[in-house]
Every structure is written in structure tokens, then in C-alpha cells.
Amino acid sequence: MVARHRTNLILASGSPARLALLRAHGFDPKIRRPVVDETPKTGESPAQLVQRLALAKLHSVADLNNTTVAADTVVSLDGNIFGKPIRPDRAVELLTHLSGRTHEVFGGIAIQHAQNELCGVVRTQVTFRDLTPVEIDSYVATGEPLDKAGGYAIQGGAANFVTAINGCRDNVVGLSIEVFLTALRKLGAQPAG
């Protein structure tokens, strides 16, 4: 049985995956969907982008009466940022690029408690096996890749594409729980231990 946390938590995200991660670790956050332009700025690195967006999402919904967490996730390969595809053809294109390669997943996380906030970036390397065009098309046809960073959900049908993970798996899902819990303790929002 998962212990319930007393922290009054706001999740600045509409992501079902982030909500599921928090609930699996005993949190029951209120959802507030931020409205933020996620367009990368010229010359912005993946780490700079996710940190900026996590902070923008946090600031758009945070209030001093609750602890708030916001996150942003992008996939990067060969210096290119792969965001969330909204069309099936774009999802196919992204998965074709990721096939047989190691890519990086950058997760920005921002947390506010009382008057204080912490922000950081988590980086995870993920290696995909070689994917056939039929596998890619079949996966995209499920609809799961749409609106997911890099065009896949590691906690879903893309799990069998992965041959190696170097770093935090939760970060690939959408939120590093380890980093989140550490930040809560540093901010005094959770008891140590």
C-alpha cells in the first residue's frame, strides 16, 4: 500500500503520465493546466528549453498556499530537438530517426513551496533497437505517440523498442520522482527520511 503524502500539491500539467507517476508515489495533486508557448527559441539548447518551459509553467499556475510542480520533456538526437508530434506522419518521422540509435531525454522540473523555488534538468539516455517500418506504422496507428515527446511512451507500447536506459526512467515518462522528492525535502515541503 502506498503511503499518502500530506503535501497540498498542484501539478502544472495536463499529462496523464505525470499524474500517474505522482499518484503511484502517494500524491494526489490538483491539476492546473498551464498555457505556455512551447516554441524553442533560436539557439536554445534542449536543457535550456525544458528549464525555461518548466519555470514558465510553474509561474503560470503557482500560488503560495500550495506546493506546485511543473515539468517539461523533450527528446534530442544529433543536436535536434524532438517535441510532441501532433500528426501521425510526424510521429513516423521521429520514430524512424530514433530507430537503432541512442537519444537523450531532457526533463525540466520546477517546484515552488511557500516563497521558495527550485529548478533543474534531468538527462537520460535511451537506446532503441532497429525498428521496421511496419512496427513504426503499427505503433503510430495506436495513437499513443501523438502528443508525447519524441513520439513515444516508454511506459506504453514503446517499451519493447528500448534496449538500454542510462539514467532515470521516470524522467523519460515525464517526471523524475527521485529529483522531485529531493527538492521537496530541500524546500521543507516533505519530512526528511
C-alpha atoms as a PDB file:
ATOM      1  CA  MET A   1       0.000   0.000   0.000  1.00  0.00           C
ATOM      2  CA  VAL A   2       1.375   3.415  -0.991  1.00  0.00           C
ATOM      3  CA  ALA A   3       1.594   5.969   1.813  1.00  0.00           C
ATOM      4  CA  ARG A   4      -0.381   9.166   1.228  1.00  0.00           C
ATOM      5  CA  HIS A   5       1.550  12.416   1.498  1.00  0.00           C
ATOM      6  CA  ARG A   6       0.120  15.413   3.325  1.00  0.00           C
ATOM      7  CA  THR A   7       1.626  17.949   0.945  1.00  0.00           C
ATOM      8  CA  ASN A   8      -1.055  20.022  -0.807  1.00  0.00           C
ATOM      9  CA  LEU A   9       0.278  19.634  -4.316  1.00  0.00           C
ATOM     10  CA  ILE A  10      -0.605  21.305  -7.599  1.00  0.00           C
ATOM     11  CA  LEU A  11       0.576  19.667 -10.816  1.00  0.00           C
ATOM     12  CA  ALA A  12       1.069  22.277 -13.527  1.00  0.00           C
ATOM     13  CA  SER A  13       0.461  19.821 -16.332  1.00  0.00           C
ATOM     14  CA  GLY A  14      -2.263  18.005 -18.211  1.00  0.00           C
ATOM     15  CA  SER A  15      -0.018  14.960 -18.644  1.00  0.00           C
ATOM     16  CA  PRO A  16      -1.697  11.694 -17.570  1.00  0.00           C
ATOM     17  CA  ALA A  17       1.773  10.118 -17.281  1.00  0.00           C
ATOM     18  CA  ARG A  18       2.993  12.723 -14.774  1.00  0.00           C
ATOM     19  CA  LEU A  19      -0.201  12.398 -12.784  1.00  0.00           C
ATOM     20  CA  ALA A  20       0.145   8.595 -12.720  1.00  0.00           C
ATOM     21  CA  LEU A  21       3.763   8.844 -11.504  1.00  0.00           C
ATOM     22  CA  LEU A  22       2.787  11.149  -8.650  1.00  0.00           C
ATOM     23  CA  ARG A  23      -0.205   9.010  -7.660  1.00  0.00           C
ATOM     24  CA  ALA A  24       1.954   5.875  -7.695  1.00  0.00           C
ATOM     25  CA  HIS A  25       4.156   7.585  -5.096  1.00  0.00           C
ATOM     26  CA  GLY A  26       1.325   8.587  -2.774  1.00  0.00           C
ATOM     27  CA  PHE A  27       0.469  12.073  -4.019  1.00  0.00           C
ATOM     28  CA  ASP A  28      -2.970  13.241  -5.096  1.00  0.00           C
ATOM     29  CA  PRO A  29      -2.307  16.560  -6.817  1.00  0.00           C
ATOM     30  CA  LYS A  30      -4.795  19.092  -8.078  1.00  0.00           C
ATOM     31  CA  ILE A  31      -4.387  19.625 -11.819  1.00  0.00           C
ATOM     32  CA  ARG A  32      -3.923  23.102 -13.237  1.00  0.00           C
ATOM     33  CA  ARG A  33      -3.152  23.143 -16.936  1.00  0.00           C
ATOM     34  CA  PRO A  34      -0.701  25.918 -17.799  1.00  0.00           C
ATOM     35  CA  VAL A  35      -0.964  27.825 -21.053  1.00  0.00           C
ATOM     36  CA  VAL A  36       2.600  28.322 -22.268  1.00  0.00           C
ATOM     37  CA  ASP A  37       4.093  28.746 -25.741  1.00  0.00           C
ATOM     38  CA  GLU A  38       6.467  25.768 -26.048  1.00  0.00           C
ATOM     39  CA  THR A  39       8.258  27.001 -29.170  1.00  0.00           C
ATOM     40  CA  PRO A  40      12.054  26.744 -28.812  1.00  0.00           C
ATOM     41  CA  LYS A  41      13.990  29.996 -29.037  1.00  0.00           C
ATOM     42  CA  THR A  42      16.751  30.356 -31.617  1.00  0.00           C
ATOM     43  CA  GLY A  43      19.957  28.771 -30.338  1.00  0.00           C
ATOM     44  CA  GLU A  44      18.296  27.341 -27.247  1.00  0.00           C
ATOM     45  CA  SER A  45      19.716  24.005 -26.104  1.00  0.00           C
ATOM     46  CA  PRO A  46      17.396  21.162 -25.035  1.00  0.00           C
ATOM     47  CA  ALA A  47      18.392  21.731 -21.385  1.00  0.00           C
ATOM     48  CA  GLN A  48      17.741  25.470 -21.607  1.00  0.00           C
ATOM     49  CA  LEU A  49      14.393  24.871 -23.295  1.00  0.00           C
ATOM     50  CA  VAL A  50      12.997  22.409 -20.755  1.00  0.00           C
ATOM     51  CA  GLN A  51      14.182  24.503 -17.817  1.00  0.00           C
ATOM     52  CA  ARG A  52      12.634  27.676 -19.253  1.00  0.00           C
ATOM     53  CA  LEU A  53       9.347  25.922 -20.021  1.00  0.00           C
ATOM     54  CA  ALA A  54       9.150  24.199 -16.611  1.00  0.00           C
ATOM     55  CA  LEU A  55       9.603  27.581 -14.910  1.00  0.00           C
ATOM     56  CA  ALA A  56       7.073  29.268 -17.214  1.00  0.00           C
ATOM     57  CA  LYS A  57       4.506  26.551 -16.472  1.00  0.00           C
ATOM     58  CA  LEU A  58       5.214  26.824 -12.741  1.00  0.00           C
ATOM     59  CA  HIS A  59       4.823  30.602 -12.693  1.00  0.00           C
ATOM     60  CA  SER A  60       1.602  30.449 -14.707  1.00  0.00           C
ATOM     61  CA  VAL A  61      -0.281  28.427 -12.062  1.00  0.00           C
ATOM     62  CA  ALA A  62       1.632  28.576  -8.745  1.00  0.00           C
ATOM     63  CA  ASP A  63       0.193  30.073  -5.585  1.00  0.00           C
ATOM     64  CA  LEU A  64       1.795  30.465  -2.155  1.00  0.00           C
ATOM     65  CA  ASN A  65      -0.824  28.327  -0.370  1.00  0.00           C
ATOM     66  CA  ASN A  66       0.173  25.129  -2.150  1.00  0.00           C
ATOM     67  CA  THR A  67       3.289  23.345  -3.320  1.00  0.00           C
ATOM     68  CA  THR A  68       3.438  23.357  -7.118  1.00  0.00           C
ATOM     69  CA  VAL A  69       5.423  21.178  -9.521  1.00  0.00           C
ATOM     70  CA  ALA A  70       5.852  21.741 -13.244  1.00  0.00           C
ATOM     71  CA  ALA A  71       7.827  19.789 -15.810  1.00  0.00           C
ATOM     72  CA  ASP A  72       8.710  19.736 -19.473  1.00  0.00           C
ATOM     73  CA  THR A  73      10.249  16.972 -21.569  1.00  0.00           C
ATOM     74  CA  VAL A  74      11.979  16.888 -24.963  1.00  0.00           C
ATOM     75  CA  VAL A  75      13.954  14.306 -26.881  1.00  0.00           C
ATOM     76  CA  SER A  76      17.224  15.265 -28.560  1.00  0.00           C
ATOM     77  CA  LEU A  77      19.169  13.452 -31.287  1.00  0.00           C
ATOM     78  CA  ASP A  78      22.102  14.816 -33.291  1.00  0.00           C
ATOM     79  CA  GLY A  79      21.525  18.287 -31.853  1.00  0.00           C
ATOM     80  CA  ASN A  80      17.884  18.345 -32.968  1.00  0.00           C
ATOM     81  CA  ILE A  81      15.016  18.813 -30.524  1.00  0.00           C
ATOM     82  CA  PHE A  82      12.107  16.416 -30.975  1.00  0.00           C
ATOM     83  CA  GLY A  83       8.994  17.759 -29.324  1.00  0.00           C
ATOM     84  CA  LYS A  84       5.475  16.347 -29.343  1.00  0.00           C
ATOM     85  CA  PRO A  85       4.124  15.310 -32.735  1.00  0.00           C
ATOM     86  CA  ILE A  86       0.508  16.206 -33.343  1.00  0.00           C
ATOM     87  CA  ARG A  87       0.238  14.405 -36.703  1.00  0.00           C
ATOM     88  CA  PRO A  88       0.830  10.698 -37.398  1.00  0.00           C
ATOM     89  CA  ASP A  89       3.250  11.402 -40.265  1.00  0.00           C
ATOM     90  CA  ARG A  90       5.451  13.460 -37.924  1.00  0.00           C
ATOM     91  CA  ALA A  91       5.390  10.647 -35.330  1.00  0.00           C
ATOM     92  CA  VAL A  92       6.545   8.196 -38.026  1.00  0.00           C
ATOM     93  CA  GLU A  93       9.344  10.577 -38.988  1.00  0.00           C
ATOM     94  CA  LEU A  94      10.549  10.934 -35.384  1.00  0.00           C
ATOM     95  CA  LEU A  95      10.480   7.196 -34.669  1.00  0.00           C
ATOM     96  CA  THR A  96      12.338   6.493 -37.918  1.00  0.00           C
ATOM     97  CA  HIS A  97      15.112   8.842 -36.759  1.00  0.00           C
ATOM     98  CA  LEU A  98      15.250   7.194 -33.301  1.00  0.00           C
ATOM     99  CA  SER A  99      15.348   3.631 -34.698  1.00  0.00           C
ATOM    100  CA  GLY A 100      18.606   1.856 -33.864  1.00  0.00           C
ATOM    101  CA  ARG A 101      20.043   4.938 -32.149  1.00  0.00           C
ATOM    102  CA  THR A 102      20.732   6.339 -28.689  1.00  0.00           C
ATOM    103  CA  HIS A 103      18.956   9.605 -27.959  1.00  0.00           C
ATOM    104  CA  GLU A 104      18.747  11.890 -24.952  1.00  0.00           C
ATOM    105  CA  VAL A 105      15.637  12.794 -22.993  1.00  0.00           C
ATOM    106  CA  PHE A 106      15.823  16.136 -21.201  1.00  0.00           C
ATOM    107  CA  GLY A 107      13.367  16.761 -18.384  1.00  0.00           C
ATOM    108  CA  GLY A 108      12.995  20.173 -16.823  1.00  0.00           C
ATOM    109  CA  ILE A 109      11.474  20.281 -13.354  1.00  0.00           C
ATOM    110  CA  ALA A 110      10.448  23.316 -11.322  1.00  0.00           C
ATOM    111  CA  ILE A 111       8.983  23.245  -7.812  1.00  0.00           C
ATOM    112  CA  GLN A 112       7.641  26.074  -5.671  1.00  0.00           C
ATOM    113  CA  HIS A 113       6.889  25.837  -1.952  1.00  0.00           C
ATOM    114  CA  ALA A 114       5.948  28.915   0.074  1.00  0.00           C
ATOM    115  CA  GLN A 115       8.233  31.713  -1.192  1.00  0.00           C
ATOM    116  CA  ASN A 116      10.957  29.404  -2.486  1.00  0.00           C
ATOM    117  CA  GLU A 117      11.505  27.507  -5.706  1.00  0.00           C
ATOM    118  CA  LEU A 118      13.960  25.037  -7.169  1.00  0.00           C
ATOM    119  CA  CYS A 119      14.539  24.233 -10.816  1.00  0.00           C
ATOM    120  CA  GLY A 120      16.734  21.755 -12.602  1.00  0.00           C
ATOM    121  CA  VAL A 121      17.237  19.485 -15.578  1.00  0.00           C
ATOM    122  CA  VAL A 122      17.481  15.692 -15.670  1.00  0.00           C
ATOM    123  CA  ARG A 123      19.111  13.932 -18.634  1.00  0.00           C
ATOM    124  CA  THR A 124      18.537  10.286 -19.565  1.00  0.00           C
ATOM    125  CA  GLN A 125      19.958   8.324 -22.491  1.00  0.00           C
ATOM    126  CA  VAL A 126      17.658   5.835 -24.224  1.00  0.00           C
ATOM    127  CA  THR A 127      18.683   3.336 -26.907  1.00  0.00           C
ATOM    128  CA  PHE A 128      16.162   1.908 -29.370  1.00  0.00           C
ATOM    129  CA  ARG A 129      16.659  -1.298 -31.310  1.00  0.00           C
ATOM    130  CA  ASP A 130      16.221  -1.201 -35.080  1.00  0.00           C
ATOM    131  CA  LEU A 131      12.522  -0.748 -35.862  1.00  0.00           C
ATOM    132  CA  THR A 132      10.850  -1.902 -39.044  1.00  0.00           C
ATOM    133  CA  PRO A 133       8.548   0.450 -40.963  1.00  0.00           C
ATOM    134  CA  VAL A 134       5.654  -1.923 -40.178  1.00  0.00           C
ATOM    135  CA  GLU A 135       6.392  -1.724 -36.433  1.00  0.00           C
ATOM    136  CA  ILE A 136       6.537   2.053 -36.574  1.00  0.00           C
ATOM    137  CA  ASP A 137       3.314   2.325 -38.583  1.00  0.00           C
ATOM    138  CA  SER A 138       1.516  -0.116 -36.276  1.00  0.00           C
ATOM    139  CA  TYR A 139       2.631   1.790 -33.178  1.00  0.00           C
ATOM    140  CA  VAL A 140       1.664   5.176 -34.617  1.00  0.00           C
ATOM    141  CA  ALA A 141      -1.750   3.737 -35.596  1.00  0.00           C
ATOM    142  CA  THR A 142      -2.472   3.187 -31.879  1.00  0.00           C
ATOM    143  CA  GLY A 143      -2.453   6.974 -31.390  1.00  0.00           C
ATOM    144  CA  GLU A 144      -0.147   6.662 -28.388  1.00  0.00           C
ATOM    145  CA  PRO A 145       2.827   8.552 -29.927  1.00  0.00           C
ATOM    146  CA  LEU A 146       0.797  11.710 -30.528  1.00  0.00           C
ATOM    147  CA  ASP A 147       1.494  14.497 -28.061  1.00  0.00           C
ATOM    148  CA  LYS A 148       4.425  12.590 -26.486  1.00  0.00           C
ATOM    149  CA  ALA A 149       7.966  13.980 -26.519  1.00  0.00           C
ATOM    150  CA  GLY A 150       9.881  12.203 -29.262  1.00  0.00           C
ATOM    151  CA  GLY A 151       6.728  10.435 -30.435  1.00  0.00           C
ATOM    152  CA  TYR A 152       6.712   7.577 -27.932  1.00  0.00           C
ATOM    153  CA  ALA A 153       5.653   6.491 -24.446  1.00  0.00           C
ATOM    154  CA  ILE A 154       8.263   4.336 -22.717  1.00  0.00           C
ATOM    155  CA  GLN A 155       5.632   3.227 -20.202  1.00  0.00           C
ATOM    156  CA  GLY A 156       3.388   2.050 -23.026  1.00  0.00           C
ATOM    157  CA  GLY A 157       3.780   0.315 -26.351  1.00  0.00           C
ATOM    158  CA  ALA A 158       7.272   1.675 -26.981  1.00  0.00           C
ATOM    159  CA  ALA A 159       8.698  -0.241 -24.005  1.00  0.00           C
ATOM    160  CA  ASN A 160       9.691  -3.095 -26.325  1.00  0.00           C
ATOM    161  CA  PHE A 161      11.650  -0.691 -28.570  1.00  0.00           C
ATOM    162  CA  VAL A 162      14.141   0.046 -25.783  1.00  0.00           C
ATOM    163  CA  THR A 163      17.384  -1.905 -25.431  1.00  0.00           C
ATOM    164  CA  ALA A 164      19.086   0.327 -22.834  1.00  0.00           C
ATOM    165  CA  ILE A 165      18.374   3.200 -20.443  1.00  0.00           C
ATOM    166  CA  ASN A 166      21.189   5.182 -18.886  1.00  0.00           C
ATOM    167  CA  GLY A 167      19.735   7.382 -16.156  1.00  0.00           C
ATOM    168  CA  CYS A 168      16.302   7.961 -14.677  1.00  0.00           C
ATOM    169  CA  ARG A 169      13.447   6.065 -16.364  1.00  0.00           C
ATOM    170  CA  ASP A 170      10.808   8.244 -14.651  1.00  0.00           C
ATOM    171  CA  ASN A 171      12.364  11.233 -16.418  1.00  0.00           C
ATOM    172  CA  VAL A 172      11.551   9.593 -19.758  1.00  0.00           C
ATOM    173  CA  VAL A 173       7.962   9.040 -18.597  1.00  0.00           C
ATOM    174  CA  GLY A 174       7.737  12.740 -17.747  1.00  0.00           C
ATOM    175  CA  LEU A 175       8.922  13.492 -14.198  1.00  0.00           C
ATOM    176  CA  SER A 176      11.913  12.301 -12.174  1.00  0.00           C
ATOM    177  CA  ILE A 177      10.308  11.277  -8.882  1.00  0.00           C
ATOM    178  CA  GLU A 178      13.732  11.000  -7.223  1.00  0.00           C
ATOM    179  CA  VAL A 179      14.579  14.623  -8.099  1.00  0.00           C
ATOM    180  CA  PHE A 180      11.068  15.737  -7.130  1.00  0.00           C
ATOM    181  CA  LEU A 181      11.240  14.136  -3.662  1.00  0.00           C
ATOM    182  CA  THR A 182      14.736  15.524  -3.052  1.00  0.00           C
ATOM    183  CA  ALA A 183      13.537  19.021  -3.995  1.00  0.00           C
ATOM    184  CA  LEU A 184      10.523  18.724  -1.674  1.00  0.00           C
ATOM    185  CA  ARG A 185      12.833  17.879   1.234  1.00  0.00           C
ATOM    186  CA  LYS A 186      15.178  20.774   0.416  1.00  0.00           C
ATOM    187  CA  LEU A 187      12.233  23.168   0.320  1.00  0.00           C
ATOM    188  CA  GLY A 188      10.853  21.811   3.611  1.00  0.00           C
ATOM    189  CA  ALA A 189       7.665  20.541   1.973  1.00  0.00           C
ATOM    190  CA  GLN A 190       8.325  16.900   2.929  1.00  0.00           C
ATOM    191  CA  PRO A 191       9.900  15.450   6.043  1.00  0.00           C
ATOM    192  CA  ALA A 192      13.369  14.025   5.582  1.00  0.00           C
ATOM    193  CA  GLY A 193      13.693  10.273   5.559  1.00  0.00           C
END
